[in-house]
């Protein structure tokens, strides 16, 4: 039963990820991105990491998607004109499909030993304590750098959105 739900979530997340790219409407693209992020959060729950799943939904599917929608409304993007695909778009789709097939074949060719510990559950892996401990000890500097970059982006967005007299 677990394999069925994994395959279902994988298919839905891949389909919605493709729809993010293929949608002409930016709002529909953002909504498919929310669906992709919710499917990834459900996969985290299946991996016994409920805290990471909750953070995925709260931060990415909640806050960042609201920010994307506000930016779309601020920029007042209109629907793209329906038309034929350009050579650049067709080339991009073909290159992406070839890379996806090559990656799948390479991953399938790599043997996974039965006793590698890859599929073994690690207790407390996605818990609040484990995430907090690794975030504020081993990854403190990257965390602070990411915080500074987000602050710089927010200040830049405010400056760019100000009305000129």
Protein backbone atom coordinates (compact mmCIF):
# COMPACT_ATOMS: atom_id res chain seq x y z
CA UNK A 1 0.00 0.00 0.00
CA UNK A 2 2.90 2.33 0.77
CA UNK A 3 4.37 1.74 -2.69
CA UNK A 4 1.02 2.64 -4.28
CA UNK A 5 0.85 5.97 -2.43
CA UNK A 6 4.49 6.70 -3.26
CA UNK A 7 3.87 6.08 -6.95
CA UNK A 8 0.67 8.13 -6.86
CA UNK A 9 2.43 11.09 -5.22
CA UNK A 10 5.39 10.75 -7.58
CA UNK A 11 3.17 10.77 -10.68
CA UNK A 12 1.09 13.71 -9.41
CA UNK A 13 4.20 15.73 -8.49
CA UNK A 14 5.88 15.06 -11.84
CA UNK A 15 2.68 15.93 -13.74
CA UNK A 16 2.15 19.14 -11.76
CA UNK A 17 5.83 20.04 -12.15
CA UNK A 18 5.46 19.71 -15.91
CA UNK A 19 2.28 21.79 -15.81
CA UNK A 20 4.21 24.56 -14.00
CA UNK A 21 6.42 24.82 -17.06
CA UNK A 22 3.79 24.29 -19.74
CA UNK A 23 1.07 26.64 -18.44
CA UNK A 24 0.55 29.90 -20.28
CA UNK A 25 -1.13 31.60 -17.33
CA UNK A 26 1.30 32.57 -14.53
CA UNK A 27 -1.39 32.17 -11.86
CA UNK A 28 -2.20 28.61 -12.98
CA UNK A 29 1.53 27.90 -13.01
CA UNK A 30 1.83 29.07 -9.39
CA UNK A 31 -1.13 26.90 -8.37
CA UNK A 32 0.46 23.83 -9.97
CA UNK A 33 3.66 24.69 -8.11
CA UNK A 34 1.68 24.65 -4.86
CA UNK A 35 0.37 21.18 -5.77
CA UNK A 36 3.93 20.01 -6.45
CA UNK A 37 5.12 21.31 -3.08
CA UNK A 38 2.22 19.65 -1.24
CA UNK A 39 3.06 16.31 -2.91
CA UNK A 40 6.69 16.69 -1.83
CA UNK A 41 5.49 17.39 1.72
CA UNK A 42 3.41 14.20 1.61
CA UNK A 43 6.52 12.30 0.52
CA UNK A 44 8.34 13.73 3.55
CA UNK A 45 5.55 12.39 5.76
CA UNK A 46 6.01 8.97 4.18
CA UNK A 47 9.73 9.20 5.04
CA UNK A 48 8.86 9.75 8.73
CA UNK A 49 9.84 13.42 8.68
CA UNK A 50 6.64 15.23 9.70
CA UNK A 51 8.40 18.39 10.86
CA UNK A 52 10.10 18.88 7.49
CA UNK A 53 6.74 18.23 5.78
CA UNK A 54 5.05 20.87 7.93
CA UNK A 55 7.80 23.38 7.22
CA UNK A 56 7.51 22.56 3.50
CA UNK A 57 3.80 23.38 3.54
CA UNK A 58 4.03 26.44 5.80
CA UNK A 59 7.05 28.12 4.23
CA UNK A 60 7.03 27.09 0.58
CA UNK A 61 3.43 26.31 -0.25
CA UNK A 62 2.18 29.05 2.07
CA UNK A 63 4.40 32.08 2.36
CA UNK A 64 6.48 31.92 -0.82
CA UNK A 65 3.51 31.12 -3.06
CA UNK A 66 1.61 34.07 -1.58
CA UNK A 67 4.68 36.19 -2.35
CA UNK A 68 4.69 34.89 -5.94
CA UNK A 69 1.01 35.75 -6.34
CA UNK A 70 1.60 39.25 -4.96
CA UNK A 71 4.46 39.75 -7.43
CA UNK A 72 2.24 38.54 -10.28
CA UNK A 73 -0.49 40.97 -9.24
CA UNK A 74 2.05 43.78 -8.79
CA UNK A 75 3.51 43.24 -12.25
CA UNK A 76 0.02 42.84 -13.75
CA UNK A 77 1.08 40.08 -16.13
CA UNK A 78 -1.36 39.41 -18.89
CA UNK A 79 -1.95 36.04 -20.51
CA UNK A 80 0.60 35.16 -23.11
CA UNK A 81 -0.66 35.07 -26.64
CA UNK A 82 -1.56 31.60 -27.82
CA UNK A 83 0.54 30.58 -30.73
CA UNK A 84 2.89 28.03 -32.20
CA UNK A 85 5.90 26.87 -30.27
CA UNK A 86 9.18 28.46 -31.24
CA UNK A 87 12.28 26.48 -32.20
CA UNK A 88 13.86 27.44 -28.87
CA UNK A 89 10.98 25.95 -26.89
CA UNK A 90 10.94 22.74 -28.92
CA UNK A 91 14.71 22.38 -28.53
CA UNK A 92 14.41 22.92 -24.78
CA UNK A 93 11.71 20.25 -24.45
CA UNK A 94 13.74 17.75 -26.47
CA UNK A 95 16.93 18.42 -24.49
CA UNK A 96 15.05 18.11 -21.18
CA UNK A 97 13.44 14.83 -22.26
CA UNK A 98 16.78 13.36 -23.37
CA UNK A 99 18.42 14.42 -20.09
CA UNK A 100 15.55 12.90 -18.08
CA UNK A 101 15.83 9.58 -19.93
CA UNK A 102 19.63 9.49 -19.59
CA UNK A 103 19.39 10.30 -15.87
CA UNK A 104 16.77 7.58 -15.34
CA UNK A 105 18.89 5.01 -17.18
CA UNK A 106 22.02 5.94 -15.23
CA UNK A 107 20.19 5.76 -11.91
CA UNK A 108 18.71 2.40 -12.82
CA UNK A 109 22.15 1.04 -13.74
CA UNK A 110 23.62 1.87 -10.31
CA UNK A 111 23.24 -1.14 -8.01
CA UNK A 112 21.96 -0.45 -4.50
CA UNK A 113 23.29 -2.93 -1.95
CA UNK A 114 20.63 -4.44 0.28
CA UNK A 115 22.56 -3.57 3.46
CA UNK A 116 23.45 0.02 2.53
CA UNK A 117 21.21 1.57 5.15
CA UNK A 118 19.64 3.79 2.52
CA UNK A 119 16.15 2.46 3.11
CA UNK A 120 16.52 2.01 6.86
CA UNK A 121 14.59 4.42 9.06
CA UNK A 122 16.73 6.68 11.18
CA UNK A 123 15.02 7.65 14.44
CA UNK A 124 14.57 11.36 14.88
CA UNK A 125 15.84 12.23 11.42
CA UNK A 126 13.10 14.75 10.62
CA UNK A 127 12.31 15.80 14.17
CA UNK A 128 12.38 19.36 15.46
CA UNK A 129 15.37 18.59 17.67
CA UNK A 130 17.45 17.06 14.87
CA UNK A 131 16.68 19.85 12.41
CA UNK A 132 17.31 22.60 14.98
CA UNK A 133 20.53 21.04 16.19
CA UNK A 134 21.98 20.69 12.69
CA UNK A 135 20.69 24.12 11.62
CA UNK A 136 22.24 26.03 14.51
CA UNK A 137 25.51 24.10 14.81
CA UNK A 138 26.78 22.67 11.54
CA UNK A 139 24.83 24.92 9.15
CA UNK A 140 24.80 28.19 11.11
CA UNK A 141 26.88 30.19 8.61
CA UNK A 142 24.88 29.13 5.51
CA UNK A 143 21.67 29.81 7.46
CA UNK A 144 22.81 33.35 8.27
CA UNK A 145 23.97 33.95 4.69
CA UNK A 146 20.57 32.81 3.38
CA UNK A 147 18.87 35.13 5.90
CA UNK A 148 20.99 38.05 4.72
CA UNK A 149 20.24 37.30 1.05
CA UNK A 150 16.49 37.13 1.76
CA UNK A 151 16.69 40.46 3.60
CA UNK A 152 18.57 42.01 0.66
CA UNK A 153 15.92 40.65 -1.74
CA UNK A 154 13.10 42.10 0.34
CA UNK A 155 14.80 45.51 0.48
CA UNK A 156 15.41 45.37 -3.28
CA UNK A 157 11.77 44.47 -3.97
CA UNK A 158 10.57 47.37 -1.82
CA UNK A 159 12.90 49.79 -3.60
CA UNK A 160 11.86 48.55 -7.04
CA UNK A 161 8.16 48.71 -6.24
CA UNK A 162 8.21 52.29 -4.91
CA UNK A 163 6.37 54.78 -7.04
CA UNK A 164 8.50 57.54 -8.48
CA UNK A 165 7.09 61.07 -8.01
